[in-house]
Amino acid sequence: MRSTTVGDLKEYLEQYDEDANVLIIWQEHWPFESHIRGVLQRSDFEEIDDEDSEMGDGVSPLKKPNDVIIVMGEQIRYGSREAWNAC
């Protein structure tokens, strides 16, 4: 599966009300919804060197300084497994 890009995310969000809450639903088999604590670039908190440029298994994508990271915030409620089917 290809990673989502910033452009993809912008395109996804353009179709929704700009005042709507943005939440993260995670853990498909026991889903929870959480707030987003923040959005930052990997270089804001981590230095990348040659050893870090692969995530270890040779299959995962390279770590890049310009990767955008969405940091999960506080869990607020149970989510619905149907979210995965709707994607």
PDB file of N, CA and C in Angstrom:
ATOM      1  N   MET A   1       0.842  -1.179   0.000  1.00  0.00           N
ATOM      2  CA  MET A   1       0.000   0.000   0.000  1.00  0.00           C
ATOM      3  C   MET A   1       0.890   1.245   0.000  1.00  0.00           C
ATOM      4  N   ARG A   2       0.540   2.190  -0.826  1.00  0.00           N
ATOM      5  CA  ARG A   2       1.272   3.446  -0.938  1.00  0.00           C
ATOM      6  C   ARG A   2       0.920   4.372   0.233  1.00  0.00           C
ATOM      7  N   SER A   3       1.896   5.140   0.679  1.00  0.00           N
ATOM      8  CA  SER A   3       1.653   6.112   1.741  1.00  0.00           C
ATOM      9  C   SER A   3       0.773   7.249   1.233  1.00  0.00           C
ATOM     10  N   THR A   4       0.002   7.822   2.121  1.00  0.00           N
ATOM     11  CA  THR A   4      -0.788   9.006   1.806  1.00  0.00           C
ATOM     12  C   THR A   4       0.141  10.212   1.789  1.00  0.00           C
ATOM     13  N   THR A   5       0.007  11.066   0.789  1.00  0.00           N
ATOM     14  CA  THR A   5       0.825  12.280   0.701  1.00  0.00           C
ATOM     15  C   THR A   5       0.040  13.467   1.264  1.00  0.00           C
ATOM     16  N   VAL A   6       0.731  14.572   1.485  1.00  0.00           N
ATOM     17  CA  VAL A   6       0.074  15.800   1.923  1.00  0.00           C
ATOM     18  C   VAL A   6      -0.971  16.215   0.877  1.00  0.00           C
ATOM     19  N   GLY A   7      -0.624  16.082  -0.398  1.00  0.00           N
ATOM     20  CA  GLY A   7      -1.575  16.403  -1.466  1.00  0.00           C
ATOM     21  C   GLY A   7      -2.829  15.539  -1.396  1.00  0.00           C
ATOM     22  N   ASP A   8      -2.651  14.232  -1.139  1.00  0.00           N
ATOM     23  CA  ASP A   8      -3.800  13.332  -0.990  1.00  0.00           C
ATOM     24  C   ASP A   8      -4.688  13.788   0.164  1.00  0.00           C
ATOM     25  N   LEU A   9      -4.065  14.106   1.290  1.00  0.00           N
ATOM     26  CA  LEU A   9      -4.817  14.497   2.472  1.00  0.00           C
ATOM     27  C   LEU A   9      -5.586  15.797   2.217  1.00  0.00           C
ATOM     28  N   LYS A  10      -4.951  16.757   1.559  1.00  0.00           N
ATOM     29  CA  LYS A  10      -5.643  18.003   1.216  1.00  0.00           C
ATOM     30  C   LYS A  10      -6.869  17.707   0.350  1.00  0.00           C
ATOM     31  N   GLU A  11      -6.684  16.840  -0.635  1.00  0.00           N
ATOM     32  CA  GLU A  11      -7.788  16.484  -1.524  1.00  0.00           C
ATOM     33  C   GLU A  11      -8.923  15.817  -0.754  1.00  0.00           C
ATOM     34  N   TYR A  12      -8.593  14.909   0.147  1.00  0.00           N
ATOM     35  CA  TYR A  12      -9.623  14.251   0.958  1.00  0.00           C
ATOM     36  C   TYR A  12     -10.415  15.280   1.765  1.00  0.00           C
ATOM     37  N   LEU A  13      -9.696  16.210   2.395  1.00  0.00           N
ATOM     38  CA  LEU A  13     -10.332  17.143   3.322  1.00  0.00           C
ATOM     39  C   LEU A  13     -11.121  18.249   2.636  1.00  0.00           C
ATOM     40  N   GLU A  14     -10.783  18.568   1.387  1.00  0.00           N
ATOM     41  CA  GLU A  14     -11.471  19.646   0.670  1.00  0.00           C
ATOM     42  C   GLU A  14     -12.969  19.416   0.536  1.00  0.00           C
ATOM     43  N   GLN A  15     -13.404  18.175   0.572  1.00  0.00           N
ATOM     44  CA  GLN A  15     -14.816  17.871   0.368  1.00  0.00           C
ATOM     45  C   GLN A  15     -15.668  18.054   1.630  1.00  0.00           C
ATOM     46  N   TYR A  16     -15.037  18.320   2.765  1.00  0.00           N
ATOM     47  CA  TYR A  16     -15.751  18.407   4.031  1.00  0.00           C
ATOM     48  C   TYR A  16     -15.840  19.836   4.549  1.00  0.00           C
ATOM     49  N   ASP A  17     -16.779  20.054   5.468  1.00  0.00           N
ATOM     50  CA  ASP A  17     -16.982  21.341   6.121  1.00  0.00           C
ATOM     51  C   ASP A  17     -15.697  21.737   6.847  1.00  0.00           C
ATOM     52  N   GLU A  18     -15.190  22.933   6.573  1.00  0.00           N
ATOM     53  CA  GLU A  18     -13.912  23.341   7.181  1.00  0.00           C
ATOM     54  C   GLU A  18     -14.007  23.572   8.676  1.00  0.00           C
ATOM     55  N   ASP A  19     -15.203  23.629   9.234  1.00  0.00           N
ATOM     56  CA  ASP A  19     -15.369  23.780  10.679  1.00  0.00           C
ATOM     57  C   ASP A  19     -15.613  22.446  11.386  1.00  0.00           C
ATOM     58  N   ALA A  20     -15.633  21.345  10.627  1.00  0.00           N
ATOM     59  CA  ALA A  20     -15.860  20.023  11.217  1.00  0.00           C
ATOM     60  C   ALA A  20     -14.645  19.583  12.035  1.00  0.00           C
ATOM     61  N   ASN A  21     -14.886  18.813  13.082  1.00  0.00           N
ATOM     62  CA  ASN A  21     -13.801  18.245  13.871  1.00  0.00           C
ATOM     63  C   ASN A  21     -13.060  17.192  13.054  1.00  0.00           C
ATOM     64  N   VAL A  22     -11.755  17.088  13.236  1.00  0.00           N
ATOM     65  CA  VAL A  22     -10.944  16.047  12.616  1.00  0.00           C
ATOM     66  C   VAL A  22     -10.485  15.110  13.731  1.00  0.00           C
ATOM     67  N   LEU A  23     -10.821  13.837  13.596  1.00  0.00           N
ATOM     68  CA  LEU A  23     -10.480  12.833  14.593  1.00  0.00           C
ATOM     69  C   LEU A  23      -9.723  11.704  13.918  1.00  0.00           C
ATOM     70  N   ILE A  24      -9.037  10.914  14.705  1.00  0.00           N
ATOM     71  CA  ILE A  24      -8.357   9.722  14.214  1.00  0.00           C
ATOM     72  C   ILE A  24      -9.081   8.521  14.799  1.00  0.00           C
ATOM     73  N   ILE A  25      -9.437   7.565  13.933  1.00  0.00           N
ATOM     74  CA  ILE A  25      -9.981   6.302  14.423  1.00  0.00           C
ATOM     75  C   ILE A  25      -8.895   5.261  14.195  1.00  0.00           C
ATOM     76  N   TRP A  26      -8.596   4.477  15.181  1.00  0.00           N
ATOM     77  CA  TRP A  26      -7.466   3.547  15.116  1.00  0.00           C
ATOM     78  C   TRP A  26      -7.834   2.227  15.761  1.00  0.00           C
ATOM     79  N   GLN A  27      -7.043   1.222  15.444  1.00  0.00           N
ATOM     80  CA  GLN A  27      -7.182  -0.118  15.989  1.00  0.00           C
ATOM     81  C   GLN A  27      -8.469  -0.775  15.486  1.00  0.00           C
ATOM     82  N   GLU A  28      -8.402  -1.315  14.277  1.00  0.00           N
ATOM     83  CA  GLU A  28      -9.580  -1.815  13.571  1.00  0.00           C
ATOM     84  C   GLU A  28     -10.427  -2.803  14.371  1.00  0.00           C
ATOM     85  N   HIS A  29      -9.808  -3.723  15.098  1.00  0.00           N
ATOM     86  CA  HIS A  29     -10.581  -4.766  15.776  1.00  0.00           C
ATOM     87  C   HIS A  29     -11.168  -4.322  17.113  1.00  0.00           C
ATOM     88  N   TRP A  30     -10.689  -3.221  17.666  1.00  0.00           N
ATOM     89  CA  TRP A  30     -11.232  -2.639  18.894  1.00  0.00           C
ATOM     90  C   TRP A  30     -11.074  -1.128  18.738  1.00  0.00           C
ATOM     91  N   PRO A  31     -11.907  -0.512  17.881  1.00  0.00           N
ATOM     92  CA  PRO A  31     -11.659   0.867  17.457  1.00  0.00           C
ATOM     93  C   PRO A  31     -11.914   1.924  18.532  1.00  0.00           C
ATOM     94  N   PHE A  32     -11.083   2.944  18.488  1.00  0.00           N
ATOM     95  CA  PHE A  32     -11.228   4.117  19.336  1.00  0.00           C
ATOM     96  C   PHE A  32     -11.105   5.358  18.468  1.00  0.00           C
ATOM     97  N   GLU A  33     -11.762   6.435  18.881  1.00  0.00           N
ATOM     98  CA  GLU A  33     -11.602   7.734  18.235  1.00  0.00           C
ATOM     99  C   GLU A  33     -10.798   8.622  19.165  1.00  0.00           C
ATOM    100  N   SER A  34      -9.893   9.400  18.563  1.00  0.00           N
ATOM    101  CA  SER A  34      -9.036  10.294  19.335  1.00  0.00           C
ATOM    102  C   SER A  34      -8.934  11.648  18.661  1.00  0.00           C
ATOM    103  N   HIS A  35      -8.678  12.662  19.476  1.00  0.00           N
ATOM    104  CA  HIS A  35      -8.363  13.986  18.963  1.00  0.00           C
ATOM    105  C   HIS A  35      -6.986  13.938  18.305  1.00  0.00           C
ATOM    106  N   ILE A  36      -6.660  14.951  17.549  1.00  0.00           N
ATOM    107  CA  ILE A  36      -5.305  15.126  17.022  1.00  0.00           C
ATOM    108  C   ILE A  36      -4.595  16.122  17.932  1.00  0.00           C
ATOM    109  N   ARG A  37      -3.475  15.711  18.479  1.00  0.00           N
ATOM    110  CA  ARG A  37      -2.710  16.603  19.354  1.00  0.00           C
ATOM    111  C   ARG A  37      -1.963  17.649  18.542  1.00  0.00           C
ATOM    112  N   GLY A  38      -1.449  17.229  17.380  1.00  0.00           N
ATOM    113  CA  GLY A  38      -0.730  18.173  16.546  1.00  0.00           C
ATOM    114  C   GLY A  38      -0.258  17.534  15.252  1.00  0.00           C
ATOM    115  N   VAL A  39       0.254  18.369  14.371  1.00  0.00           N
ATOM    116  CA  VAL A  39       0.809  17.941  13.089  1.00  0.00           C
ATOM    117  C   VAL A  39       2.180  18.584  12.963  1.00  0.00           C
ATOM    118  N   LEU A  40       3.193  17.782  12.657  1.00  0.00           N
ATOM    119  CA  LEU A  40       4.539  18.307  12.527  1.00  0.00           C
ATOM    120  C   LEU A  40       5.329  17.504  11.512  1.00  0.00           C
ATOM    121  N   GLN A  41       6.480  18.001  11.194  1.00  0.00           N
ATOM    122  CA  GLN A  41       7.373  17.344  10.253  1.00  0.00           C
ATOM    123  C   GLN A  41       8.409  16.554  11.044  1.00  0.00           C
ATOM    124  N   ARG A  42       8.828  15.400  10.510  1.00  0.00           N
ATOM    125  CA  ARG A  42       9.780  14.552  11.230  1.00  0.00           C
ATOM    126  C   ARG A  42      11.010  15.338  11.688  1.00  0.00           C
ATOM    127  N   SER A  43      11.512  16.243  10.850  1.00  0.00           N
ATOM    128  CA  SER A  43      12.713  17.006  11.206  1.00  0.00           C
ATOM    129  C   SER A  43      12.500  17.907  12.419  1.00  0.00           C
ATOM    130  N   ASP A  44      11.245  18.138  12.829  1.00  0.00           N
ATOM    131  CA  ASP A  44      10.968  18.943  14.022  1.00  0.00           C
ATOM    132  C   ASP A  44      11.349  18.218  15.305  1.00  0.00           C
ATOM    133  N   PHE A  45      11.465  16.877  15.240  1.00  0.00           N
ATOM    134  CA  PHE A  45      11.732  16.137  16.475  1.00  0.00           C
ATOM    135  C   PHE A  45      12.764  15.019  16.328  1.00  0.00           C
ATOM    136  N   GLU A  46      13.251  14.747  15.118  1.00  0.00           N
ATOM    137  CA  GLU A  46      14.154  13.613  14.923  1.00  0.00           C
ATOM    138  C   GLU A  46      15.178  13.932  13.839  1.00  0.00           C
ATOM    139  N   GLU A  47      16.423  13.598  14.107  1.00  0.00           N
ATOM    140  CA  GLU A  47      17.461  13.702  13.078  1.00  0.00           C
ATOM    141  C   GLU A  47      17.515  12.384  12.332  1.00  0.00           C
ATOM    142  N   ILE A  48      17.645  12.450  11.020  1.00  0.00           N
ATOM    143  CA  ILE A  48      17.716  11.250  10.200  1.00  0.00           C
ATOM    144  C   ILE A  48      19.143  11.090   9.696  1.00  0.00           C
ATOM    145  N   ASP A  49      19.732   9.933   9.945  1.00  0.00           N
ATOM    146  CA  ASP A  49      21.045   9.644   9.371  1.00  0.00           C
ATOM    147  C   ASP A  49      20.929   8.390   8.516  1.00  0.00           C
ATOM    148  N   ASP A  50      22.019   7.926   7.956  1.00  0.00           N
ATOM    149  CA  ASP A  50      21.979   6.783   7.044  1.00  0.00           C
ATOM    150  C   ASP A  50      21.383   5.539   7.698  1.00  0.00           C
ATOM    151  N   GLU A  51      21.669   5.312   8.982  1.00  0.00           N
ATOM    152  CA  GLU A  51      21.140   4.131   9.667  1.00  0.00           C
ATOM    153  C   GLU A  51      19.633   4.209   9.838  1.00  0.00           C
ATOM    154  N   ASP A  52      19.099   5.438   9.974  1.00  0.00           N
ATOM    155  CA  ASP A  52      17.663   5.622  10.182  1.00  0.00           C
ATOM    156  C   ASP A  52      16.872   5.668   8.881  1.00  0.00           C
ATOM    157  N   SER A  53      17.563   5.725   7.754  1.00  0.00           N
ATOM    158  CA  SER A  53      16.848   5.948   6.506  1.00  0.00           C
ATOM    159  C   SER A  53      16.034   4.741   6.052  1.00  0.00           C
ATOM    160  N   GLU A  54      16.240   3.586   6.661  1.00  0.00           N
ATOM    161  CA  GLU A  54      15.379   2.430   6.444  1.00  0.00           C
ATOM    162  C   GLU A  54      14.832   2.002   7.789  1.00  0.00           C
ATOM    163  N   MET A  55      13.614   1.555   7.811  1.00  0.00           N
ATOM    164  CA  MET A  55      12.966   1.226   9.072  1.00  0.00           C
ATOM    165  C   MET A  55      13.277  -0.175   9.545  1.00  0.00           C
ATOM    166  N   GLY A  56      14.271  -0.821   8.948  1.00  0.00           N
ATOM    167  CA  GLY A  56      14.733  -2.082   9.492  1.00  0.00           C
ATOM    168  C   GLY A  56      14.363  -3.325   8.711  1.00  0.00           C
ATOM    169  N   ASP A  57      13.172  -3.373   8.129  1.00  0.00           N
ATOM    170  CA  ASP A  57      12.773  -4.616   7.473  1.00  0.00           C
ATOM    171  C   ASP A  57      13.023  -4.595   5.967  1.00  0.00           C
ATOM    172  N   GLY A  58      13.511  -3.490   5.428  1.00  0.00           N
ATOM    173  CA  GLY A  58      13.802  -3.410   4.006  1.00  0.00           C
ATOM    174  C   GLY A  58      12.568  -3.268   3.138  1.00  0.00           C
ATOM    175  N   VAL A  59      11.389  -3.388   3.732  1.00  0.00           N
ATOM    176  CA  VAL A  59      10.141  -3.263   2.994  1.00  0.00           C
ATOM    177  C   VAL A  59       9.448  -1.944   3.310  1.00  0.00           C
ATOM    178  N   SER A  60       9.581  -1.494   4.553  1.00  0.00           N
ATOM    179  CA  SER A  60       8.943  -0.248   4.970  1.00  0.00           C
ATOM    180  C   SER A  60       9.554   0.938   4.245  1.00  0.00           C
ATOM    181  N   PRO A  61       8.761   1.993   4.043  1.00  0.00           N
ATOM    182  CA  PRO A  61       9.294   3.172   3.361  1.00  0.00           C
ATOM    183  C   PRO A  61      10.415   3.840   4.158  1.00  0.00           C
ATOM    184  N   LEU A  62      11.253   4.566   3.448  1.00  0.00           N
ATOM    185  CA  LEU A  62      12.348   5.282   4.089  1.00  0.00           C
ATOM    186  C   LEU A  62      11.816   6.366   5.008  1.00  0.00           C
ATOM    187  N   LYS A  63      12.530   6.607   6.100  1.00  0.00           N
ATOM    188  CA  LYS A  63      12.229   7.756   6.936  1.00  0.00           C
ATOM    189  C   LYS A  63      12.804   8.977   6.240  1.00  0.00           C
ATOM    190  N   LYS A  64      12.022  10.023   6.093  1.00  0.00           N
ATOM    191  CA  LYS A  64      12.476  11.244   5.441  1.00  0.00           C
ATOM    192  C   LYS A  64      12.247  12.420   6.375  1.00  0.00           C
ATOM    193  N   PRO A  65      13.159  13.389   6.371  1.00  0.00           N
ATOM    194  CA  PRO A  65      13.000  14.548   7.251  1.00  0.00           C
ATOM    195  C   PRO A  65      11.708  15.320   7.002  1.00  0.00           C
ATOM    196  N   ASN A  66      11.186  15.280   5.758  1.00  0.00           N
ATOM    197  CA  ASN A  66       9.979  16.047   5.458  1.00  0.00           C
ATOM    198  C   ASN A  66       8.693  15.232   5.615  1.00  0.00           C
ATOM    199  N   ASP A  67       8.774  13.997   6.183  1.00  0.00           N
ATOM    200  CA  ASP A  67       7.561  13.241   6.484  1.00  0.00           C
ATOM    201  C   ASP A  67       6.687  14.078   7.413  1.00  0.00           C
ATOM    202  N   VAL A  68       5.387  14.113   7.151  1.00  0.00           N
ATOM    203  CA  VAL A  68       4.448  14.823   8.017  1.00  0.00           C
ATOM    204  C   VAL A  68       3.831  13.805   8.969  1.00  0.00           C
ATOM    205  N   ILE A  69       3.885  14.113  10.247  1.00  0.00           N
ATOM    206  CA  ILE A  69       3.427  13.211  11.300  1.00  0.00           C
ATOM    207  C   ILE A  69       2.193  13.818  11.964  1.00  0.00           C
ATOM    208  N   ILE A  70       1.126  13.032  12.064  1.00  0.00           N
ATOM    209  CA  ILE A  70      -0.057  13.440  12.810  1.00  0.00           C
ATOM    210  C   ILE A  70       0.029  12.744  14.165  1.00  0.00           C
ATOM    211  N   VAL A  71       0.092  13.535  15.213  1.00  0.00           N
ATOM    212  CA  VAL A  71       0.255  12.999  16.568  1.00  0.00           C
ATOM    213  C   VAL A  71      -1.127  12.833  17.199  1.00  0.00           C
ATOM    214  N   MET A  72      -1.416  11.602  17.592  1.00  0.00           N
ATOM    215  CA  MET A  72      -2.698  11.303  18.204  1.00  0.00           C
ATOM    216  C   MET A  72      -2.773  11.934  19.583  1.00  0.00           C
ATOM    217  N   GLY A  73      -3.917  12.516  19.877  1.00  0.00           N
ATOM    218  CA  GLY A  73      -4.150  13.114  21.183  1.00  0.00           C
ATOM    219  C   GLY A  73      -4.966  12.194  22.072  1.00  0.00           C
ATOM    220  N   GLU A  74      -5.795  12.796  22.870  1.00  0.00           N
ATOM    221  CA  GLU A  74      -6.582  12.091  23.864  1.00  0.00           C
ATOM    222  C   GLU A  74      -7.660  11.211  23.220  1.00  0.00           C
ATOM    223  N   GLN A  75      -7.788  10.003  23.731  1.00  0.00           N
ATOM    224  CA  GLN A  75      -8.864   9.111  23.296  1.00  0.00           C
ATOM    225  C   GLN A  75     -10.174   9.665  23.830  1.00  0.00           C
ATOM    226  N   ILE A  76     -11.200   9.749  22.965  1.00  0.00           N
ATOM    227  CA  ILE A  76     -12.449  10.347  23.428  1.00  0.00           C
ATOM    228  C   ILE A  76     -13.628   9.376  23.495  1.00  0.00           C
ATOM    229  N   ARG A  77     -13.605   8.306  22.672  1.00  0.00           N
ATOM    230  CA  ARG A  77     -14.716   7.356  22.705  1.00  0.00           C
ATOM    231  C   ARG A  77     -14.383   6.131  21.858  1.00  0.00           C
ATOM    232  N   TYR A  78     -15.248   5.119  21.961  1.00  0.00           N
ATOM    233  CA  TYR A  78     -15.129   3.969  21.075  1.00  0.00           C
ATOM    234  C   TYR A  78     -15.512   4.399  19.669  1.00  0.00           C
ATOM    235  N   GLY A  79     -14.898   3.760  18.680  1.00  0.00           N
ATOM    236  CA  GLY A  79     -15.209   4.039  17.288  1.00  0.00           C
ATOM    237  C   GLY A  79     -16.000   2.892  16.684  1.00  0.00           C
ATOM    238  N   SER A  80     -16.189   2.955  15.377  1.00  0.00           N
ATOM    239  CA  SER A  80     -16.952   1.938  14.667  1.00  0.00           C
ATOM    240  C   SER A  80     -16.038   1.185  13.698  1.00  0.00           C
ATOM    241  N   ARG A  81     -16.142  -0.133  13.699  1.00  0.00           N
ATOM    242  CA  ARG A  81     -15.382  -0.954  12.750  1.00  0.00           C
ATOM    243  C   ARG A  81     -15.782  -0.654  11.305  1.00  0.00           C
ATOM    244  N   GLU A  82     -16.958  -0.111  11.118  1.00  0.00           N
ATOM    245  CA  GLU A  82     -17.448   0.186   9.768  1.00  0.00           C
ATOM    246  C   GLU A  82     -16.616   1.264   9.065  1.00  0.00           C
ATOM    247  N   ALA A  83     -15.834   2.020   9.806  1.00  0.00           N
ATOM    248  CA  ALA A  83     -14.984   3.048   9.182  1.00  0.00           C
ATOM    249  C   ALA A  83     -14.017   2.413   8.185  1.00  0.00           C
ATOM    250  N   TRP A  84     -13.488   1.243   8.496  1.00  0.00           N
ATOM    251  CA  TRP A  84     -12.538   0.568   7.585  1.00  0.00           C
ATOM    252  C   TRP A  84     -13.252   0.124   6.310  1.00  0.00           C
ATOM    253  N   ASN A  85     -14.487  -0.356   6.433  1.00  0.00           N
ATOM    254  CA  ASN A  85     -15.250  -0.757   5.253  1.00  0.00           C
ATOM    255  C   ASN A  85     -15.600   0.448   4.371  1.00  0.00           C
ATOM    256  N   ALA A  86     -15.826   1.592   4.998  1.00  0.00           N
ATOM    257  CA  ALA A  86     -16.211   2.797   4.257  1.00  0.00           C
ATOM    258  C   ALA A  86     -15.049   3.375   3.460  1.00  0.00           C
ATOM    259  N   CYS A  87     -13.817   3.026   3.851  1.00  0.00           N
ATOM    260  CA  CYS A  87     -12.654   3.523   3.097  1.00  0.00           C
ATOM    261  C   CYS A  87     -12.544   2.801   1.784  1.00  0.00           C
TER     262      CYS A  87
END
